[in-house]
Amino acid sequence: MEFLLGKKDEPELHLKPLELGPTTTFNPTQFVHAVWSSAEGLTGPATILTYPNGPGKSEQVQGKIRQKELNARFGIIRFSNTGSDAINCRAEARCEVEIHGSDKKAWLDCGYLSWFSKAKRSSLIEMDKVDILEMNKLLANPGEDIYQKQEKDLQVCFTLLGGNSLIMCSDGRFYAVPYDETKPARLKIELTVTAQKYPVTQKLFEVTADNRSIIIRELNS
C-alpha cells in the first residue's frame, strides 16, 4: 500500500554535522550552562542552625553551601529521515588512535553515541561534582526512533570550559584527545548506523576542536 501511495518502505537517513564556532548563537542542543548548589551539614531549608548548649548559651552551626557550574559544548550530527520510520536507530563509533611508540594507527571501539535528550541533559545537575565519566553515564541514550520527516541530534563529543580535551559522548569506552592553545584536537571517527529496515551504513568523519569551536566534517560524502 505504501508503495502504491508513493511512500518509501524503508528509512532514508541524511546526516548533517552542525558547526560550532566562536560566533555560534547559544542553543540548548550544542551548549550546556548550568549552575546548581548542594548543602552539607543541613537537615532543612535554613542555612543557619542554632543548637542549645546549656542555659543562656547557644552554638551556631553554618552548613556549607557548595555551588557547581557546568559549561560544555557539544559536537552534533543532525539526522533527518525522508523515508519510513527508523526504529531503534543507533550509531556505533570507532576512533582512530595512534599506537604508542609506533607510527601505526588502529581503530578503537568506543561504544554507541548518545542521542540528545532534554531529560538526560537536565539530569546532569544530579552530579556531586563535574565528572566526565558520570556525564557520559547520565547522557547515555544509545537508541532513538526517528520518524518520517523528523530530525534527531546525535551527540558525538563535547568539551568543557577551561578544559583541554575533546571527549567522546558514548556509553562505552572512555576516550579523549587533548588540545592546547597552539594545537587543536583532531579525531577521525567511523560511525556504523543501524535501524530497523535500514541497511547497515558506515560514515567517516573528522572532528577538529579547541576551546572555542568543534568542527565535524564528513570525509566520504
C-alpha atoms as a PDB file:
ATOM      1  CA  MET A   1       0.000   0.000   0.000  1.00  0.00           C
ATOM      2  CA  GLU A   2       2.836   2.405   0.894  1.00  0.00           C
ATOM      3  CA  PHE A   3       4.435   1.659  -2.475  1.00  0.00           C
ATOM      4  CA  LEU A   4       1.167   2.447  -4.284  1.00  0.00           C
ATOM      5  CA  LEU A   5       0.923   5.731  -2.364  1.00  0.00           C
ATOM      6  CA  GLY A   6       4.450   6.655  -3.394  1.00  0.00           C
ATOM      7  CA  LYS A   7       5.892   6.274   0.098  1.00  0.00           C
ATOM      8  CA  LYS A   8       9.257   4.651   0.731  1.00  0.00           C
ATOM      9  CA  ASP A   9       9.084   1.404   2.716  1.00  0.00           C
ATOM     10  CA  GLU A  10      12.451   1.898   4.385  1.00  0.00           C
ATOM     11  CA  PRO A  11      14.142   4.759   6.258  1.00  0.00           C
ATOM     12  CA  GLU A  12      16.253   7.240   4.333  1.00  0.00           C
ATOM     13  CA  LEU A  13      18.587   8.997   6.729  1.00  0.00           C
ATOM     14  CA  HIS A  14      20.609  12.115   5.938  1.00  0.00           C
ATOM     15  CA  LEU A  15      23.432  13.222   8.224  1.00  0.00           C
ATOM     16  CA  LYS A  16      24.464  16.857   8.633  1.00  0.00           C
ATOM     17  CA  PRO A  17      27.159  17.991  11.103  1.00  0.00           C
ATOM     18  CA  LEU A  18      26.311  21.235  12.899  1.00  0.00           C
ATOM     19  CA  GLU A  19      29.143  23.752  13.019  1.00  0.00           C
ATOM     20  CA  LEU A  20      30.038  25.225  16.391  1.00  0.00           C
ATOM     21  CA  GLY A  21      32.342  28.245  16.423  1.00  0.00           C
ATOM     22  CA  PRO A  22      33.028  31.436  18.375  1.00  0.00           C
ATOM     23  CA  THR A  23      30.020  33.181  16.788  1.00  0.00           C
ATOM     24  CA  THR A  24      27.518  30.323  17.163  1.00  0.00           C
ATOM     25  CA  THR A  25      24.413  31.539  18.981  1.00  0.00           C
ATOM     26  CA  PHE A  26      23.720  29.813  22.288  1.00  0.00           C
ATOM     27  CA  ASN A  27      21.200  26.999  21.845  1.00  0.00           C
ATOM     28  CA  PRO A  28      20.186  24.088  24.104  1.00  0.00           C
ATOM     29  CA  THR A  29      21.471  21.407  21.719  1.00  0.00           C
ATOM     30  CA  GLN A  30      25.088  22.499  21.283  1.00  0.00           C
ATOM     31  CA  PHE A  31      25.581  24.211  24.653  1.00  0.00           C
ATOM     32  CA  VAL A  32      25.044  23.453  28.321  1.00  0.00           C
ATOM     33  CA  HIS A  33      25.426  26.087  31.027  1.00  0.00           C
ATOM     34  CA  ALA A  34      24.091  25.001  34.396  1.00  0.00           C
ATOM     35  CA  VAL A  35      24.668  26.235  37.939  1.00  0.00           C
ATOM     36  CA  TRP A  36      23.364  24.365  40.954  1.00  0.00           C
ATOM     37  CA  SER A  37      24.005  24.134  44.687  1.00  0.00           C
ATOM     38  CA  SER A  38      24.051  21.446  47.329  1.00  0.00           C
ATOM     39  CA  ALA A  39      24.169  21.718  51.095  1.00  0.00           C
ATOM     40  CA  GLU A  40      26.368  19.847  53.534  1.00  0.00           C
ATOM     41  CA  GLY A  41      25.529  19.507  57.202  1.00  0.00           C
ATOM     42  CA  LEU A  42      21.970  20.821  56.850  1.00  0.00           C
ATOM     43  CA  THR A  43      18.744  18.998  57.747  1.00  0.00           C
ATOM     44  CA  GLY A  44      16.284  21.593  56.486  1.00  0.00           C
ATOM     45  CA  PRO A  45      15.933  24.639  54.258  1.00  0.00           C
ATOM     46  CA  ALA A  46      17.733  27.001  56.661  1.00  0.00           C
ATOM     47  CA  THR A  47      21.386  27.847  56.167  1.00  0.00           C
ATOM     48  CA  ILE A  48      21.995  28.632  59.841  1.00  0.00           C
ATOM     49  CA  LEU A  49      21.038  26.187  62.571  1.00  0.00           C
ATOM     50  CA  THR A  50      21.068  27.088  66.271  1.00  0.00           C
ATOM     51  CA  TYR A  51      21.664  24.308  68.778  1.00  0.00           C
ATOM     52  CA  PRO A  52      21.021  24.802  72.559  1.00  0.00           C
ATOM     53  CA  ASN A  53      24.176  24.369  74.601  1.00  0.00           C
ATOM     54  CA  GLY A  54      23.095  24.870  78.182  1.00  0.00           C
ATOM     55  CA  PRO A  55      21.198  27.737  79.852  1.00  0.00           C
ATOM     56  CA  GLY A  56      21.818  31.034  78.150  1.00  0.00           C
ATOM     57  CA  LYS A  57      24.215  29.533  75.682  1.00  0.00           C
ATOM     58  CA  SER A  58      23.826  28.527  72.079  1.00  0.00           C
ATOM     59  CA  GLU A  59      26.054  27.428  69.260  1.00  0.00           C
ATOM     60  CA  GLN A  60      25.529  28.441  65.669  1.00  0.00           C
ATOM     61  CA  VAL A  61      26.480  25.902  63.036  1.00  0.00           C
ATOM     62  CA  GLN A  62      26.549  27.088  59.471  1.00  0.00           C
ATOM     63  CA  GLY A  63      26.080  24.442  56.834  1.00  0.00           C
ATOM     64  CA  LYS A  64      28.334  24.524  53.820  1.00  0.00           C
ATOM     65  CA  ILE A  65      26.680  25.506  50.555  1.00  0.00           C
ATOM     66  CA  ARG A  66      28.634  24.221  47.599  1.00  0.00           C
ATOM     67  CA  GLN A  67      27.980  25.656  44.174  1.00  0.00           C
ATOM     68  CA  LYS A  68      28.736  23.758  40.992  1.00  0.00           C
ATOM     69  CA  GLU A  69      28.891  25.041  37.444  1.00  0.00           C
ATOM     70  CA  LEU A  70      28.910  23.135  34.187  1.00  0.00           C
ATOM     71  CA  ASN A  71      29.775  24.871  30.935  1.00  0.00           C
ATOM     72  CA  ALA A  72      30.048  22.477  27.999  1.00  0.00           C
ATOM     73  CA  ARG A  73      29.895  22.487  24.211  1.00  0.00           C
ATOM     74  CA  PHE A  74      28.727  19.546  22.125  1.00  0.00           C
ATOM     75  CA  GLY A  75      29.651  18.391  18.655  1.00  0.00           C
ATOM     76  CA  ILE A  76      26.382  17.400  16.969  1.00  0.00           C
ATOM     77  CA  ILE A  77      25.396  15.456  13.846  1.00  0.00           C
ATOM     78  CA  ARG A  78      21.773  16.049  12.849  1.00  0.00           C
ATOM     79  CA  PHE A  79      19.864  13.116  11.368  1.00  0.00           C
ATOM     80  CA  SER A  80      16.848  13.761   9.131  1.00  0.00           C
ATOM     81  CA  ASN A  81      14.604  10.998   7.810  1.00  0.00           C
ATOM     82  CA  THR A  82      12.853  11.309   4.447  1.00  0.00           C
ATOM     83  CA  GLY A  83      11.797   7.654   4.279  1.00  0.00           C
ATOM     84  CA  SER A  84       9.736   5.425   6.531  1.00  0.00           C
ATOM     85  CA  ASP A  85      10.185   5.379  10.316  1.00  0.00           C
ATOM     86  CA  ALA A  86      13.692   4.479  11.527  1.00  0.00           C
ATOM     87  CA  ILE A  87      13.027   2.442  14.663  1.00  0.00           C
ATOM     88  CA  ASN A  88      15.788   1.988  17.253  1.00  0.00           C
ATOM     89  CA  CYS A  89      18.365   3.960  15.298  1.00  0.00           C
ATOM     90  CA  ARG A  90      21.864   3.509  16.722  1.00  0.00           C
ATOM     91  CA  ALA A  91      25.284   4.927  15.867  1.00  0.00           C
ATOM     92  CA  GLU A  92      28.263   2.852  16.949  1.00  0.00           C
ATOM     93  CA  ALA A  93      31.618   4.652  16.936  1.00  0.00           C
ATOM     94  CA  ARG A  94      35.204   3.649  16.346  1.00  0.00           C
ATOM     95  CA  CYS A  95      38.030   6.162  16.802  1.00  0.00           C
ATOM     96  CA  GLU A  96      41.366   6.118  15.034  1.00  0.00           C
ATOM     97  CA  VAL A  97      44.162   6.144  17.625  1.00  0.00           C
ATOM     98  CA  GLU A  98      47.922   6.289  17.466  1.00  0.00           C
ATOM     99  CA  ILE A  99      49.855   3.293  18.775  1.00  0.00           C
ATOM    100  CA  HIS A 100      52.374   4.421  21.376  1.00  0.00           C
ATOM    101  CA  GLY A 101      55.963   4.107  20.170  1.00  0.00           C
ATOM    102  CA  SER A 102      54.890   3.469  16.586  1.00  0.00           C
ATOM    103  CA  ASP A 103      53.857   5.411  13.509  1.00  0.00           C
ATOM    104  CA  LYS A 104      50.967   2.988  13.005  1.00  0.00           C
ATOM    105  CA  LYS A 105      47.333   3.631  13.884  1.00  0.00           C
ATOM    106  CA  ALA A 106      44.477   1.405  14.984  1.00  0.00           C
ATOM    107  CA  TRP A 107      40.708   1.626  15.434  1.00  0.00           C
ATOM    108  CA  LEU A 108      39.339   1.710  18.990  1.00  0.00           C
ATOM    109  CA  ASP A 109      35.757   0.656  19.703  1.00  0.00           C
ATOM    110  CA  CYS A 110      34.063   3.495  21.617  1.00  0.00           C
ATOM    111  CA  GLY A 111      30.532   2.133  22.028  1.00  0.00           C
ATOM    112  CA  TYR A 112      27.274   3.754  20.976  1.00  0.00           C
ATOM    113  CA  LEU A 113      27.000   7.522  20.796  1.00  0.00           C
ATOM    114  CA  SER A 114      24.198   9.192  22.766  1.00  0.00           C
ATOM    115  CA  TRP A 115      21.194  10.951  21.234  1.00  0.00           C
ATOM    116  CA  PHE A 116      20.260  14.379  22.538  1.00  0.00           C
ATOM    117  CA  SER A 117      17.553  14.300  25.207  1.00  0.00           C
ATOM    118  CA  LYS A 118      16.279  17.251  27.242  1.00  0.00           C
ATOM    119  CA  ALA A 119      15.618  14.951  30.194  1.00  0.00           C
ATOM    120  CA  LYS A 120      19.122  13.466  30.051  1.00  0.00           C
ATOM    121  CA  ARG A 121      20.702  16.925  29.848  1.00  0.00           C
ATOM    122  CA  SER A 122      18.649  18.074  32.856  1.00  0.00           C
ATOM    123  CA  SER A 123      19.916  15.104  34.871  1.00  0.00           C
ATOM    124  CA  LEU A 124      23.479  16.500  34.751  1.00  0.00           C
ATOM    125  CA  ILE A 125      22.751  18.633  37.819  1.00  0.00           C
ATOM    126  CA  GLU A 126      22.488  15.395  39.806  1.00  0.00           C
ATOM    127  CA  MET A 127      26.292  15.208  39.818  1.00  0.00           C
ATOM    128  CA  ASP A 128      28.022  15.902  43.133  1.00  0.00           C
ATOM    129  CA  LYS A 129      30.788  17.463  41.056  1.00  0.00           C
ATOM    130  CA  VAL A 130      31.529  17.818  37.367  1.00  0.00           C
ATOM    131  CA  ASP A 131      32.798  14.397  36.374  1.00  0.00           C
ATOM    132  CA  ILE A 132      33.340  13.329  32.751  1.00  0.00           C
ATOM    133  CA  LEU A 133      32.630   9.643  33.343  1.00  0.00           C
ATOM    134  CA  GLU A 134      29.471  10.478  35.280  1.00  0.00           C
ATOM    135  CA  MET A 135      28.372  12.833  32.491  1.00  0.00           C
ATOM    136  CA  ASN A 136      28.546  10.046  29.926  1.00  0.00           C
ATOM    137  CA  LYS A 137      26.537   7.745  32.206  1.00  0.00           C
ATOM    138  CA  LEU A 138      23.818  10.358  32.696  1.00  0.00           C
ATOM    139  CA  LEU A 139      23.699  11.260  28.991  1.00  0.00           C
ATOM    140  CA  ALA A 140      23.630   7.628  27.785  1.00  0.00           C
ATOM    141  CA  ASN A 141      20.847   7.283  25.193  1.00  0.00           C
ATOM    142  CA  PRO A 142      22.036   4.850  22.515  1.00  0.00           C
ATOM    143  CA  GLY A 143      18.756   4.107  20.706  1.00  0.00           C
ATOM    144  CA  GLU A 144      16.255   6.546  19.220  1.00  0.00           C
ATOM    145  CA  ASP A 145      13.230   6.333  16.895  1.00  0.00           C
ATOM    146  CA  ILE A 146      13.406   8.807  14.012  1.00  0.00           C
ATOM    147  CA  TYR A 147      10.008   9.009  12.369  1.00  0.00           C
ATOM    148  CA  GLN A 148       9.285  10.102   8.823  1.00  0.00           C
ATOM    149  CA  LYS A 149      10.085  13.791   8.211  1.00  0.00           C
ATOM    150  CA  GLN A 150      11.634  14.049  11.681  1.00  0.00           C
ATOM    151  CA  GLU A 151      15.055  15.248  12.818  1.00  0.00           C
ATOM    152  CA  LYS A 152      17.108  13.976  15.745  1.00  0.00           C
ATOM    153  CA  ASP A 153      20.503  15.144  17.025  1.00  0.00           C
ATOM    154  CA  LEU A 154      23.381  12.792  17.802  1.00  0.00           C
ATOM    155  CA  GLN A 155      25.879  13.909  20.454  1.00  0.00           C
ATOM    156  CA  VAL A 156      29.281  12.944  19.088  1.00  0.00           C
ATOM    157  CA  CYS A 157      31.649  14.632  21.530  1.00  0.00           C
ATOM    158  CA  PHE A 158      31.967  17.531  23.958  1.00  0.00           C
ATOM    159  CA  THR A 159      34.440  19.918  25.558  1.00  0.00           C
ATOM    160  CA  LEU A 160      34.348  21.691  28.923  1.00  0.00           C
ATOM    161  CA  LEU A 161      35.043  25.374  29.514  1.00  0.00           C
ATOM    162  CA  GLY A 162      38.533  25.611  30.984  1.00  0.00           C
ATOM    163  CA  GLY A 163      39.299  22.040  29.958  1.00  0.00           C
ATOM    164  CA  ASN A 164      41.853  20.782  27.476  1.00  0.00           C
ATOM    165  CA  SER A 165      40.299  17.655  25.939  1.00  0.00           C
ATOM    166  CA  LEU A 166      37.800  16.613  23.292  1.00  0.00           C
ATOM    167  CA  ILE A 167      35.721  13.835  24.872  1.00  0.00           C
ATOM    168  CA  MET A 168      33.640  11.190  23.116  1.00  0.00           C
ATOM    169  CA  CYS A 169      29.969  11.189  24.177  1.00  0.00           C
ATOM    170  CA  SER A 170      29.310   7.451  24.295  1.00  0.00           C
ATOM    171  CA  ASP A 171      28.026   4.701  26.551  1.00  0.00           C
ATOM    172  CA  GLY A 172      31.171   2.638  26.094  1.00  0.00           C
ATOM    173  CA  ARG A 173      34.904   3.078  26.403  1.00  0.00           C
ATOM    174  CA  PHE A 174      36.100   6.483  27.597  1.00  0.00           C
ATOM    175  CA  TYR A 175      38.218   8.260  25.003  1.00  0.00           C
ATOM    176  CA  ALA A 176      39.537  11.817  24.865  1.00  0.00           C
ATOM    177  CA  VAL A 177      42.002  13.792  22.734  1.00  0.00           C
ATOM    178  CA  PRO A 178      43.932  16.709  24.293  1.00  0.00           C
ATOM    179  CA  TYR A 179      44.319  20.171  22.775  1.00  0.00           C
ATOM    180  CA  ASP A 180      46.074  23.400  23.741  1.00  0.00           C
ATOM    181  CA  GLU A 181      46.431  26.988  22.533  1.00  0.00           C
ATOM    182  CA  THR A 182      48.733  26.012  19.676  1.00  0.00           C
ATOM    183  CA  LYS A 183      47.415  22.599  18.627  1.00  0.00           C
ATOM    184  CA  PRO A 184      43.731  21.680  18.241  1.00  0.00           C
ATOM    185  CA  ALA A 185      42.438  18.172  18.898  1.00  0.00           C
ATOM    186  CA  ARG A 186      41.922  16.087  15.764  1.00  0.00           C
ATOM    187  CA  LEU A 187      39.941  12.885  15.728  1.00  0.00           C
ATOM    188  CA  LYS A 188      38.786  10.543  12.980  1.00  0.00           C
ATOM    189  CA  ILE A 189      35.536   8.708  13.745  1.00  0.00           C
ATOM    190  CA  GLU A 190      33.877   5.853  11.896  1.00  0.00           C
ATOM    191  CA  LEU A 191      30.111   5.639  12.521  1.00  0.00           C
ATOM    192  CA  THR A 192      28.114   2.486  11.863  1.00  0.00           C
ATOM    193  CA  VAL A 193      24.432   3.449  11.660  1.00  0.00           C
ATOM    194  CA  THR A 194      21.710   0.820  12.099  1.00  0.00           C
ATOM    195  CA  ALA A 195      17.907   0.815  12.413  1.00  0.00           C
ATOM    196  CA  GLN A 196      15.024  -1.487  11.607  1.00  0.00           C
ATOM    197  CA  LYS A 197      14.619  -1.867   7.811  1.00  0.00           C
ATOM    198  CA  TYR A 198      17.674   0.363   7.318  1.00  0.00           C
ATOM    199  CA  PRO A 199      20.779  -1.073   5.632  1.00  0.00           C
ATOM    200  CA  VAL A 200      23.888  -1.006   7.825  1.00  0.00           C
ATOM    201  CA  THR A 201      25.685   2.183   6.784  1.00  0.00           C
ATOM    202  CA  GLN A 202      29.171   3.389   7.628  1.00  0.00           C
ATOM    203  CA  LYS A 203      30.207   7.028   7.599  1.00  0.00           C
ATOM    204  CA  LEU A 204      33.626   8.549   8.234  1.00  0.00           C
ATOM    205  CA  PHE A 205      34.036  11.915   9.965  1.00  0.00           C
ATOM    206  CA  GLU A 206      36.880  14.110  11.154  1.00  0.00           C
ATOM    207  CA  VAL A 207      36.492  16.279  14.243  1.00  0.00           C
ATOM    208  CA  THR A 208      38.651  19.326  14.959  1.00  0.00           C
ATOM    209  CA  ALA A 209      38.229  21.072  18.310  1.00  0.00           C
ATOM    210  CA  ASP A 210      39.778  23.644  20.624  1.00  0.00           C
ATOM    211  CA  ASN A 211      38.495  25.859  23.453  1.00  0.00           C
ATOM    212  CA  ARG A 212      36.360  27.906  21.018  1.00  0.00           C
ATOM    213  CA  SER A 213      34.999  25.515  18.404  1.00  0.00           C
ATOM    214  CA  ILE A 214      34.036  21.971  17.431  1.00  0.00           C
ATOM    215  CA  ILE A 215      34.025  21.332  13.691  1.00  0.00           C
ATOM    216  CA  ILE A 216      32.799  18.000  12.279  1.00  0.00           C
ATOM    217  CA  ARG A 217      33.076  17.210   8.590  1.00  0.00           C
ATOM    218  CA  GLU A 218      32.208  14.092   6.641  1.00  0.00           C
ATOM    219  CA  LEU A 219      35.127  12.519   4.772  1.00  0.00           C
ATOM    220  CA  ASN A 220      33.374  10.047   2.477  1.00  0.00           C
ATOM    221  CA  SER A 221      30.450  12.117   1.272  1.00  0.00           C
END
